[in-house]
Amino acid sequence: MASFLQNLKNFFVTPAYSSTSNFITFEVRCNRCSEEITVNIRRGSDISRLYEEEGPAGSVFLLRKEILGKKCNNLIYLTAYFGENYNLISSEISGGKIIEHK
C-alpha cells in the first residue's frame, strides 16, 4: 500500500529539477484579491495538440486552464498557444494577470 501511495505522490509532485522537467510553470495574479498563484502545467496531459488551422500562426499546442486560488473564489481562465518546442506564442487570461512564464 505504501508503494502505491508513494507512486501516486510522485505523479502529482513537481520534480526538483526544472531544466528537463515535463512541466511548464505560470505565475498568475488574481484581479480580485491580488493572490499570486503558481500553476504547473504537465506537457503530456494538460496541453492538447492542434490539428486544424486554429490559433495564431505557428501554434502547435493549446492550453486551456481554469485556476482557482485559496484566498477568494474568483476563477481565472488561461488560454495559451505554444509552438513545436513548447515556446509560448500567444496567451489570453481573464480574471487575472500573468506575472511570469517559465
PDB file of N, CA and C in Angstrom:
ATOM      1  N   MET A   1       0.821  -1.199   0.000  1.00  0.00           N
ATOM      2  CA  MET A   1       0.000   0.000   0.000  1.00  0.00           C
ATOM      3  C   MET A   1       0.863   1.260   0.000  1.00  0.00           C
ATOM      4  N   ALA A   2       1.950   1.212   0.756  1.00  0.00           N
ATOM      5  CA  ALA A   2       2.826   2.384   0.818  1.00  0.00           C
ATOM      6  C   ALA A   2       3.439   2.669  -0.546  1.00  0.00           C
ATOM      7  N   SER A   3       3.749   1.644  -1.293  1.00  0.00           N
ATOM      8  CA  SER A   3       4.329   1.822  -2.622  1.00  0.00           C
ATOM      9  C   SER A   3       3.342   2.525  -3.545  1.00  0.00           C
ATOM     10  N   PHE A   4       2.075   2.137  -3.487  1.00  0.00           N
ATOM     11  CA  PHE A   4       1.042   2.770  -4.305  1.00  0.00           C
ATOM     12  C   PHE A   4       0.911   4.244  -3.961  1.00  0.00           C
ATOM     13  N   LEU A   5       0.868   4.557  -2.675  1.00  0.00           N
ATOM     14  CA  LEU A   5       0.736   5.949  -2.242  1.00  0.00           C
ATOM     15  C   LEU A   5       1.963   6.764  -2.630  1.00  0.00           C
ATOM     16  N   GLN A   6       3.148   6.165  -2.550  1.00  0.00           N
ATOM     17  CA  GLN A   6       4.356   6.875  -2.950  1.00  0.00           C
ATOM     18  C   GLN A   6       4.333   7.154  -4.448  1.00  0.00           C
ATOM     19  N   ASN A   7       3.899   6.186  -5.258  1.00  0.00           N
ATOM     20  CA  ASN A   7       3.793   6.396  -6.706  1.00  0.00           C
ATOM     21  C   ASN A   7       2.768   7.476  -7.025  1.00  0.00           C
ATOM     22  N   LEU A   8       1.667   7.482  -6.311  1.00  0.00           N
ATOM     23  CA  LEU A   8       0.638   8.499  -6.511  1.00  0.00           C
ATOM     24  C   LEU A   8       1.179   9.881  -6.144  1.00  0.00           C
ATOM     25  N   LYS A   9       1.909   9.971  -5.058  1.00  0.00           N
ATOM     26  CA  LYS A   9       2.510  11.238  -4.647  1.00  0.00           C
ATOM     27  C   LYS A   9       3.509  11.717  -5.695  1.00  0.00           C
ATOM     28  N   ASN A  10       4.336  10.829  -6.205  1.00  0.00           N
ATOM     29  CA  ASN A  10       5.331  11.192  -7.211  1.00  0.00           C
ATOM     30  C   ASN A  10       4.682  11.683  -8.497  1.00  0.00           C
ATOM     31  N   PHE A  11       3.495  11.192  -8.803  1.00  0.00           N
ATOM     32  CA  PHE A  11       2.783  11.618 -10.002  1.00  0.00           C
ATOM     33  C   PHE A  11       2.364  13.079  -9.912  1.00  0.00           C
ATOM     34  N   PHE A  12       1.976  13.525  -8.714  1.00  0.00           N
ATOM     35  CA  PHE A  12       1.445  14.873  -8.548  1.00  0.00           C
ATOM     36  C   PHE A  12       2.462  15.902  -8.059  1.00  0.00           C
ATOM     37  N   VAL A  13       3.630  15.491  -7.660  1.00  0.00           N
ATOM     38  CA  VAL A  13       4.631  16.411  -7.134  1.00  0.00           C
ATOM     39  C   VAL A  13       5.549  16.864  -8.262  1.00  0.00           C
ATOM     40  N   THR A  14       5.843  18.157  -8.274  1.00  0.00           N
ATOM     41  CA  THR A  14       6.751  18.716  -9.269  1.00  0.00           C
ATOM     42  C   THR A  14       8.172  18.275  -8.955  1.00  0.00           C
ATOM     43  N   PRO A  15       8.911  17.772  -9.937  1.00  0.00           N
ATOM     44  CA  PRO A  15      10.299  17.398  -9.673  1.00  0.00           C
ATOM     45  C   PRO A  15      11.152  18.621  -9.340  1.00  0.00           C
ATOM     46  N   ALA A  16      12.211  18.391  -8.576  1.00  0.00           N
ATOM     47  CA  ALA A  16      13.079  19.478  -8.140  1.00  0.00           C
ATOM     48  C   ALA A  16      13.849  20.089  -9.307  1.00  0.00           C
ATOM     49  N   TYR A  17      14.200  19.300 -10.286  1.00  0.00           N
ATOM     50  CA  TYR A  17      14.926  19.821 -11.434  1.00  0.00           C
ATOM     51  C   TYR A  17      13.933  20.440 -12.399  1.00  0.00           C
ATOM     52  N   SER A  18      14.289  21.578 -12.983  1.00  0.00           N
ATOM     53  CA  SER A  18      13.334  22.266 -13.842  1.00  0.00           C
ATOM     54  C   SER A  18      13.775  22.336 -15.293  1.00  0.00           C
ATOM     55  N   SER A  19      15.072  22.193 -15.567  1.00  0.00           N
ATOM     56  CA  SER A  19      15.538  22.354 -16.941  1.00  0.00           C
ATOM     57  C   SER A  19      15.067  21.221 -17.847  1.00  0.00           C
ATOM     58  N   THR A  20      14.960  20.010 -17.335  1.00  0.00           N
ATOM     59  CA  THR A  20      14.499  18.884 -18.140  1.00  0.00           C
ATOM     60  C   THR A  20      13.119  18.428 -17.692  1.00  0.00           C
ATOM     61  N   SER A  21      12.415  19.282 -17.030  1.00  0.00           N
ATOM     62  CA  SER A  21      11.123  18.940 -16.471  1.00  0.00           C
ATOM     63  C   SER A  21      10.056  18.820 -17.552  1.00  0.00           C
ATOM     64  N   ASN A  22       9.042  18.034 -17.268  1.00  0.00           N
ATOM     65  CA  ASN A  22       7.888  17.906 -18.154  1.00  0.00           C
ATOM     66  C   ASN A  22       6.810  18.913 -17.786  1.00  0.00           C
ATOM     67  N   PHE A  23       7.187  19.967 -17.076  1.00  0.00           N
ATOM     68  CA  PHE A  23       6.244  20.978 -16.625  1.00  0.00           C
ATOM     69  C   PHE A  23       6.550  22.330 -17.257  1.00  0.00           C
ATOM     70  N   ILE A  24       5.503  23.087 -17.475  1.00  0.00           N
ATOM     71  CA  ILE A  24       5.601  24.495 -17.827  1.00  0.00           C
ATOM     72  C   ILE A  24       4.953  25.239 -16.669  1.00  0.00           C
ATOM     73  N   THR A  25       5.609  26.270 -16.177  1.00  0.00           N
ATOM     74  CA  THR A  25       5.118  26.971 -14.998  1.00  0.00           C
ATOM     75  C   THR A  25       4.651  28.378 -15.358  1.00  0.00           C
ATOM     76  N   PHE A  26       3.466  28.718 -14.873  1.00  0.00           N
ATOM     77  CA  PHE A  26       2.931  30.070 -14.992  1.00  0.00           C
ATOM     78  C   PHE A  26       2.741  30.617 -13.586  1.00  0.00           C
ATOM     79  N   GLU A  27       3.087  31.876 -13.400  1.00  0.00           N
ATOM     80  CA  GLU A  27       2.774  32.598 -12.170  1.00  0.00           C
ATOM     81  C   GLU A  27       1.704  33.612 -12.543  1.00  0.00           C
ATOM     82  N   VAL A  28       0.549  33.536 -11.884  1.00  0.00           N
ATOM     83  CA  VAL A  28      -0.548  34.449 -12.189  1.00  0.00           C
ATOM     84  C   VAL A  28      -0.967  35.191 -10.920  1.00  0.00           C
ATOM     85  N   ARG A  29      -1.556  36.386 -11.116  1.00  0.00           N
ATOM     86  CA  ARG A  29      -2.056  37.178 -10.001  1.00  0.00           C
ATOM     87  C   ARG A  29      -3.548  37.388 -10.188  1.00  0.00           C
ATOM     88  N   CYS A  30      -4.310  37.121  -9.156  1.00  0.00           N
ATOM     89  CA  CYS A  30      -5.757  37.286  -9.170  1.00  0.00           C
ATOM     90  C   CYS A  30      -6.107  38.772  -9.198  1.00  0.00           C
ATOM     91  N   ASN A  31      -7.064  39.138 -10.058  1.00  0.00           N
ATOM     92  CA  ASN A  31      -7.502  40.533 -10.139  1.00  0.00           C
ATOM     93  C   ASN A  31      -8.292  40.969  -8.910  1.00  0.00           C
ATOM     94  N   ARG A  32      -8.945  40.040  -8.258  1.00  0.00           N
ATOM     95  CA  ARG A  32      -9.821  40.401  -7.139  1.00  0.00           C
ATOM     96  C   ARG A  32      -9.054  40.567  -5.825  1.00  0.00           C
ATOM     97  N   CYS A  33      -8.206  39.583  -5.471  1.00  0.00           N
ATOM     98  CA  CYS A  33      -7.543  39.617  -4.161  1.00  0.00           C
ATOM     99  C   CYS A  33      -6.027  39.770  -4.249  1.00  0.00           C
ATOM    100  N   SER A  34      -5.472  39.833  -5.455  1.00  0.00           N
ATOM    101  CA  SER A  34      -4.033  40.001  -5.704  1.00  0.00           C
ATOM    102  C   SER A  34      -3.187  38.821  -5.228  1.00  0.00           C
ATOM    103  N   GLU A  35      -3.807  37.670  -5.028  1.00  0.00           N
ATOM    104  CA  GLU A  35      -3.046  36.470  -4.657  1.00  0.00           C
ATOM    105  C   GLU A  35      -2.183  36.030  -5.829  1.00  0.00           C
ATOM    106  N   GLU A  36      -0.943  35.668  -5.548  1.00  0.00           N
ATOM    107  CA  GLU A  36      -0.053  35.130  -6.567  1.00  0.00           C
ATOM    108  C   GLU A  36      -0.137  33.612  -6.523  1.00  0.00           C
ATOM    109  N   ILE A  37      -0.442  33.014  -7.668  1.00  0.00           N
ATOM    110  CA  ILE A  37      -0.679  31.579  -7.760  1.00  0.00           C
ATOM    111  C   ILE A  37       0.323  30.980  -8.741  1.00  0.00           C
ATOM    112  N   THR A  38       0.991  29.911  -8.324  1.00  0.00           N
ATOM    113  CA  THR A  38       1.899  29.175  -9.194  1.00  0.00           C
ATOM    114  C   THR A  38       1.138  28.005  -9.790  1.00  0.00           C
ATOM    115  N   VAL A  39       1.148  27.911 -11.109  1.00  0.00           N
ATOM    116  CA  VAL A  39       0.426  26.857 -11.821  1.00  0.00           C
ATOM    117  C   VAL A  39       1.436  26.029 -12.603  1.00  0.00           C
ATOM    118  N   ASN A  40       1.503  24.730 -12.304  1.00  0.00           N
ATOM    119  CA  ASN A  40       2.372  23.814 -13.036  1.00  0.00           C
ATOM    120  C   ASN A  40       1.545  23.068 -14.069  1.00  0.00           C
ATOM    121  N   ILE A  41       1.950  23.156 -15.315  1.00  0.00           N
ATOM    122  CA  ILE A  41       1.231  22.548 -16.437  1.00  0.00           C
ATOM    123  C   ILE A  41       2.028  21.343 -16.911  1.00  0.00           C
ATOM    124  N   ARG A  42       1.409  20.179 -16.931  1.00  0.00           N
ATOM    125  CA  ARG A  42       2.064  18.978 -17.456  1.00  0.00           C
ATOM    126  C   ARG A  42       2.010  19.001 -18.974  1.00  0.00           C
ATOM    127  N   ARG A  43       3.171  18.848 -19.598  1.00  0.00           N
ATOM    128  CA  ARG A  43       3.224  18.847 -21.061  1.00  0.00           C
ATOM    129  C   ARG A  43       2.489  17.654 -21.654  1.00  0.00           C
ATOM    130  N   GLY A  44       2.497  16.536 -20.968  1.00  0.00           N
ATOM    131  CA  GLY A  44       1.904  15.313 -21.513  1.00  0.00           C
ATOM    132  C   GLY A  44       0.400  15.206 -21.379  1.00  0.00           C
ATOM    133  N   SER A  45      -0.191  15.916 -20.402  1.00  0.00           N
ATOM    134  CA  SER A  45      -1.625  15.713 -20.189  1.00  0.00           C
ATOM    135  C   SER A  45      -2.464  16.990 -20.200  1.00  0.00           C
ATOM    136  N   ASP A  46      -1.884  18.133 -19.883  1.00  0.00           N
ATOM    137  CA  ASP A  46      -2.656  19.371 -19.811  1.00  0.00           C
ATOM    138  C   ASP A  46      -2.719  20.123 -21.135  1.00  0.00           C
ATOM    139  N   ILE A  47      -1.770  19.848 -22.017  1.00  0.00           N
ATOM    140  CA  ILE A  47      -1.679  20.575 -23.286  1.00  0.00           C
ATOM    141  C   ILE A  47      -2.161  19.682 -24.413  1.00  0.00           C
ATOM    142  N   SER A  48      -2.991  20.244 -25.300  1.00  0.00           N
ATOM    143  CA  SER A  48      -3.545  19.499 -26.444  1.00  0.00           C
ATOM    144  C   SER A  48      -2.851  19.915 -27.727  1.00  0.00           C
ATOM    145  N   ARG A  49      -2.700  18.977 -28.627  1.00  0.00           N
ATOM    146  CA  ARG A  49      -2.135  19.271 -29.950  1.00  0.00           C
ATOM    147  C   ARG A  49      -3.235  19.838 -30.833  1.00  0.00           C
ATOM    148  N   LEU A  50      -2.874  20.844 -31.621  1.00  0.00           N
ATOM    149  CA  LEU A  50      -3.805  21.434 -32.579  1.00  0.00           C
ATOM    150  C   LEU A  50      -3.675  20.689 -33.904  1.00  0.00           C
ATOM    151  N   TYR A  51      -4.783  20.245 -34.450  1.00  0.00           N
ATOM    152  CA  TYR A  51      -4.756  19.506 -35.713  1.00  0.00           C
ATOM    153  C   TYR A  51      -5.330  20.311 -36.870  1.00  0.00           C
ATOM    154  N   GLU A  52      -6.068  21.359 -36.597  1.00  0.00           N
ATOM    155  CA  GLU A  52      -6.663  22.171 -37.650  1.00  0.00           C
ATOM    156  C   GLU A  52      -6.064  23.566 -37.602  1.00  0.00           C
ATOM    157  N   GLU A  53      -6.409  24.382 -38.549  1.00  0.00           N
ATOM    158  CA  GLU A  53      -5.881  25.738 -38.649  1.00  0.00           C
ATOM    159  C   GLU A  53      -6.575  26.667 -37.656  1.00  0.00           C
ATOM    160  N   GLU A  54      -6.386  26.420 -36.373  1.00  0.00           N
ATOM    161  CA  GLU A  54      -6.938  27.316 -35.371  1.00  0.00           C
ATOM    162  C   GLU A  54      -5.795  27.898 -34.544  1.00  0.00           C
ATOM    163  N   GLY A  55      -6.009  29.068 -34.004  1.00  0.00           N
ATOM    164  CA  GLY A  55      -4.984  29.714 -33.214  1.00  0.00           C
ATOM    165  C   GLY A  55      -4.047  30.544 -34.070  1.00  0.00           C
ATOM    166  N   PRO A  56      -3.091  31.217 -33.432  1.00  0.00           N
ATOM    167  CA  PRO A  56      -2.148  32.058 -34.156  1.00  0.00           C
ATOM    168  C   PRO A  56      -1.218  31.234 -35.049  1.00  0.00           C
ATOM    169  N   ALA A  57      -0.593  31.910 -35.995  1.00  0.00           N
ATOM    170  CA  ALA A  57       0.322  31.242 -36.919  1.00  0.00           C
ATOM    171  C   ALA A  57       1.489  30.631 -36.152  1.00  0.00           C
ATOM    172  N   GLY A  58       1.844  29.402 -36.493  1.00  0.00           N
ATOM    173  CA  GLY A  58       2.956  28.713 -35.852  1.00  0.00           C
ATOM    174  C   GLY A  58       2.596  27.964 -34.599  1.00  0.00           C
ATOM    175  N   SER A  59       1.347  28.047 -34.170  1.00  0.00           N
ATOM    176  CA  SER A  59       0.967  27.346 -32.938  1.00  0.00           C
ATOM    177  C   SER A  59       0.691  25.877 -33.230  1.00  0.00           C
ATOM    178  N   VAL A  60       1.184  25.029 -32.332  1.00  0.00           N
ATOM    179  CA  VAL A  60       1.052  23.588 -32.471  1.00  0.00           C
ATOM    180  C   VAL A  60       0.282  22.999 -31.289  1.00  0.00           C
ATOM    181  N   PHE A  61       0.398  23.637 -30.118  1.00  0.00           N
ATOM    182  CA  PHE A  61      -0.243  23.140 -28.906  1.00  0.00           C
ATOM    183  C   PHE A  61      -1.145  24.201 -28.303  1.00  0.00           C
ATOM    184  N   LEU A  62      -2.191  23.744 -27.597  1.00  0.00           N
ATOM    185  CA  LEU A  62      -3.169  24.624 -26.954  1.00  0.00           C
ATOM    186  C   LEU A  62      -3.328  24.234 -25.492  1.00  0.00           C
ATOM    187  N   LEU A  63      -3.397  25.234 -24.636  1.00  0.00           N
ATOM    188  CA  LEU A  63      -3.666  25.027 -23.219  1.00  0.00           C
ATOM    189  C   LEU A  63      -4.888  25.842 -22.838  1.00  0.00           C
ATOM    190  N   ARG A  64      -5.849  25.202 -22.205  1.00  0.00           N
ATOM    191  CA  ARG A  64      -6.989  25.893 -21.589  1.00  0.00           C
ATOM    192  C   ARG A  64      -7.019  25.461 -20.136  1.00  0.00           C
ATOM    193  N   LYS A  65      -6.913  26.429 -19.239  1.00  0.00           N
ATOM    194  CA  LYS A  65      -6.810  26.103 -17.817  1.00  0.00           C
ATOM    195  C   LYS A  65      -7.679  27.044 -17.008  1.00  0.00           C
ATOM    196  N   GLU A  66      -8.392  26.484 -16.034  1.00  0.00           N
ATOM    197  CA  GLU A  66      -9.154  27.261 -15.066  1.00  0.00           C
ATOM    198  C   GLU A  66      -8.386  27.205 -13.755  1.00  0.00           C
ATOM    199  N   ILE A  67      -8.106  28.375 -13.184  1.00  0.00           N
ATOM    200  CA  ILE A  67      -7.264  28.470 -11.999  1.00  0.00           C
ATOM    201  C   ILE A  67      -8.079  29.073 -10.866  1.00  0.00           C
ATOM    202  N   LEU A  68      -8.009  28.456  -9.712  1.00  0.00           N
ATOM    203  CA  LEU A  68      -8.714  28.938  -8.526  1.00  0.00           C
ATOM    204  C   LEU A  68      -7.710  29.038  -7.385  1.00  0.00           C
ATOM    205  N   GLY A  69      -7.603  30.210  -6.797  1.00  0.00           N
ATOM    206  CA  GLY A  69      -6.674  30.413  -5.690  1.00  0.00           C
ATOM    207  C   GLY A  69      -7.270  29.969  -4.369  1.00  0.00           C
ATOM    208  N   LYS A  70      -6.564  30.280  -3.291  1.00  0.00           N
ATOM    209  CA  LYS A  70      -7.004  29.893  -1.949  1.00  0.00           C
ATOM    210  C   LYS A  70      -7.695  31.033  -1.208  1.00  0.00           C
ATOM    211  N   LYS A  71      -7.441  32.280  -1.615  1.00  0.00           N
ATOM    212  CA  LYS A  71      -7.960  33.425  -0.870  1.00  0.00           C
ATOM    213  C   LYS A  71      -9.384  33.810  -1.246  1.00  0.00           C
ATOM    214  N   CYS A  72      -9.768  33.633  -2.515  1.00  0.00           N
ATOM    215  CA  CYS A  72     -11.122  34.024  -2.927  1.00  0.00           C
ATOM    216  C   CYS A  72     -11.634  33.017  -3.965  1.00  0.00           C
ATOM    217  N   ASN A  73     -12.869  33.191  -4.359  1.00  0.00           N
ATOM    218  CA  ASN A  73     -13.471  32.237  -5.293  1.00  0.00           C
ATOM    219  C   ASN A  73     -13.483  32.746  -6.731  1.00  0.00           C
ATOM    220  N   ASN A  74     -12.611  33.692  -7.056  1.00  0.00           N
ATOM    221  CA  ASN A  74     -12.503  34.211  -8.418  1.00  0.00           C
ATOM    222  C   ASN A  74     -11.840  33.162  -9.305  1.00  0.00           C
ATOM    223  N   LEU A  75     -12.508  32.782 -10.376  1.00  0.00           N
ATOM    224  CA  LEU A  75     -11.968  31.805 -11.308  1.00  0.00           C
ATOM    225  C   LEU A  75     -11.200  32.529 -12.401  1.00  0.00           C
ATOM    226  N   ILE A  76      -9.957  32.105 -12.628  1.00  0.00           N
ATOM    227  CA  ILE A  76      -9.091  32.713 -13.633  1.00  0.00           C
ATOM    228  C   ILE A  76      -9.022  31.759 -14.818  1.00  0.00           C
ATOM    229  N   TYR A  77      -9.276  32.277 -16.013  1.00  0.00           N
ATOM    230  CA  TYR A  77      -9.259  31.471 -17.226  1.00  0.00           C
ATOM    231  C   TYR A  77      -8.012  31.798 -18.037  1.00  0.00           C
ATOM    232  N   LEU A  78      -7.211  30.773 -18.323  1.00  0.00           N
ATOM    233  CA  LEU A  78      -5.980  30.944 -19.089  1.00  0.00           C
ATOM    234  C   LEU A  78      -6.059  30.137 -20.377  1.00  0.00           C
ATOM    235  N   THR A  79      -5.795  30.785 -21.494  1.00  0.00           N
ATOM    236  CA  THR A  79      -5.686  30.125 -22.793  1.00  0.00           C
ATOM    237  C   THR A  79      -4.338  30.498 -23.369  1.00  0.00           C
ATOM    238  N   ALA A  80      -3.546  29.489 -23.736  1.00  0.00           N
ATOM    239  CA  ALA A  80      -2.205  29.758 -24.260  1.00  0.00           C
ATOM    240  C   ALA A  80      -1.937  28.869 -25.463  1.00  0.00           C
ATOM    241  N   TYR A  81      -1.215  29.409 -26.433  1.00  0.00           N
ATOM    242  CA  TYR A  81      -0.802  28.676 -27.628  1.00  0.00           C
ATOM    243  C   TYR A  81       0.720  28.551 -27.616  1.00  0.00           C
ATOM    244  N   PHE A  82       1.201  27.352 -27.913  1.00  0.00           N
ATOM    245  CA  PHE A  82       2.628  27.065 -27.896  1.00  0.00           C
ATOM    246  C   PHE A  82       3.079  26.573 -29.261  1.00  0.00           C
ATOM    247  N   GLY A  83       4.366  26.791 -29.555  1.00  0.00           N
ATOM    248  CA  GLY A  83       4.987  26.282 -30.774  1.00  0.00           C
ATOM    249  C   GLY A  83       5.467  24.859 -30.588  1.00  0.00           C
ATOM    250  N   GLU A  84       6.219  24.373 -31.556  1.00  0.00           N
ATOM    251  CA  GLU A  84       6.684  22.979 -31.563  1.00  0.00           C
ATOM    252  C   GLU A  84       7.539  22.640 -30.341  1.00  0.00           C
ATOM    253  N   ASN A  85       8.364  23.558 -29.890  1.00  0.00           N
ATOM    254  CA  ASN A  85       9.240  23.306 -28.737  1.00  0.00           C
ATOM    255  C   ASN A  85       8.653  23.857 -27.440  1.00  0.00           C
ATOM    256  N   TYR A  86       7.345  23.973 -27.378  1.00  0.00           N
ATOM    257  CA  TYR A  86       6.616  24.482 -26.220  1.00  0.00           C
ATOM    258  C   TYR A  86       6.995  25.925 -25.888  1.00  0.00           C
ATOM    259  N   ASN A  87       7.411  26.679 -26.891  1.00  0.00           N
ATOM    260  CA  ASN A  87       7.648  28.104 -26.678  1.00  0.00           C
ATOM    261  C   ASN A  87       6.312  28.831 -26.778  1.00  0.00           C
ATOM    262  N   LEU A  88       6.080  29.751 -25.863  1.00  0.00           N
ATOM    263  CA  LEU A  88       4.814  30.472 -25.789  1.00  0.00           C
ATOM    264  C   LEU A  88       4.687  31.422 -26.966  1.00  0.00           C
ATOM    265  N   ILE A  89       3.610  31.263 -27.750  1.00  0.00           N
ATOM    266  CA  ILE A  89       3.351  32.121 -28.899  1.00  0.00           C
ATOM    267  C   ILE A  89       2.349  33.208 -28.536  1.00  0.00           C
ATOM    268  N   SER A  90       1.274  32.817 -27.863  1.00  0.00           N
ATOM    269  CA  SER A  90       0.221  33.765 -27.528  1.00  0.00           C
ATOM    270  C   SER A  90      -0.495  33.285 -26.276  1.00  0.00           C
ATOM    271  N   SER A  91      -1.013  34.231 -25.490  1.00  0.00           N
ATOM    272  CA  SER A  91      -1.786  33.853 -24.301  1.00  0.00           C
ATOM    273  C   SER A  91      -2.861  34.892 -24.035  1.00  0.00           C
ATOM    274  N   GLU A  92      -3.960  34.423 -23.491  1.00  0.00           N
ATOM    275  CA  GLU A  92      -5.064  35.276 -23.058  1.00  0.00           C
ATOM    276  C   GLU A  92      -5.439  34.842 -21.653  1.00  0.00           C
ATOM    277  N   ILE A  93      -5.740  35.810 -20.807  1.00  0.00           N
ATOM    278  CA  ILE A  93      -6.131  35.486 -19.448  1.00  0.00           C
ATOM    279  C   ILE A  93      -7.253  36.428 -19.036  1.00  0.00           C
ATOM    280  N   SER A  94      -8.246  35.884 -18.340  1.00  0.00           N
ATOM    281  CA  SER A  94      -9.306  36.738 -17.799  1.00  0.00           C
ATOM    282  C   SER A  94      -9.465  36.421 -16.312  1.00  0.00           C
ATOM    283  N   GLY A  95      -9.676  37.457 -15.538  1.00  0.00           N
ATOM    284  CA  GLY A  95      -9.793  37.298 -14.088  1.00  0.00           C
ATOM    285  C   GLY A  95      -8.464  37.386 -13.372  1.00  0.00           C
ATOM    286  N   GLY A  96      -7.394  37.567 -14.118  1.00  0.00           N
ATOM    287  CA  GLY A  96      -6.071  37.643 -13.523  1.00  0.00           C
ATOM    288  C   GLY A  96      -5.054  38.203 -14.497  1.00  0.00           C
ATOM    289  N   LYS A  97      -3.798  38.114 -14.118  1.00  0.00           N
ATOM    290  CA  LYS A  97      -2.705  38.639 -14.930  1.00  0.00           C
ATOM    291  C   LYS A  97      -1.530  37.674 -14.833  1.00  0.00           C
ATOM    292  N   ILE A  98      -0.867  37.427 -15.963  1.00  0.00           N
ATOM    293  CA  ILE A  98       0.322  36.572 -15.961  1.00  0.00           C
ATOM    294  C   ILE A  98       1.499  37.396 -15.445  1.00  0.00           C
ATOM    295  N   ILE A  99       2.135  36.904 -14.386  1.00  0.00           N
ATOM    296  CA  ILE A  99       3.306  37.565 -13.826  1.00  0.00           C
ATOM    297  C   ILE A  99       4.568  37.059 -14.511  1.00  0.00           C
ATOM    298  N   GLU A 100       4.668  35.718 -14.626  1.00  0.00           N
ATOM    299  CA  GLU A 100       5.869  35.110 -15.174  1.00  0.00           C
ATOM    300  C   GLU A 100       5.510  33.785 -15.827  1.00  0.00           C
ATOM    301  N   HIS A 101       6.284  33.412 -16.838  1.00  0.00           N
ATOM    302  CA  HIS A 101       6.133  32.138 -17.535  1.00  0.00           C
ATOM    303  C   HIS A 101       7.509  31.498 -17.634  1.00  0.00           C
ATOM    304  N   LYS A 102       7.621  30.238 -17.223  1.00  0.00           N
ATOM    305  CA  LYS A 102       8.906  29.518 -17.277  1.00  0.00           C
ATOM    306  C   LYS A 102       8.762  28.281 -18.122  1.00  0.00           C
TER     307      LYS A 102
END
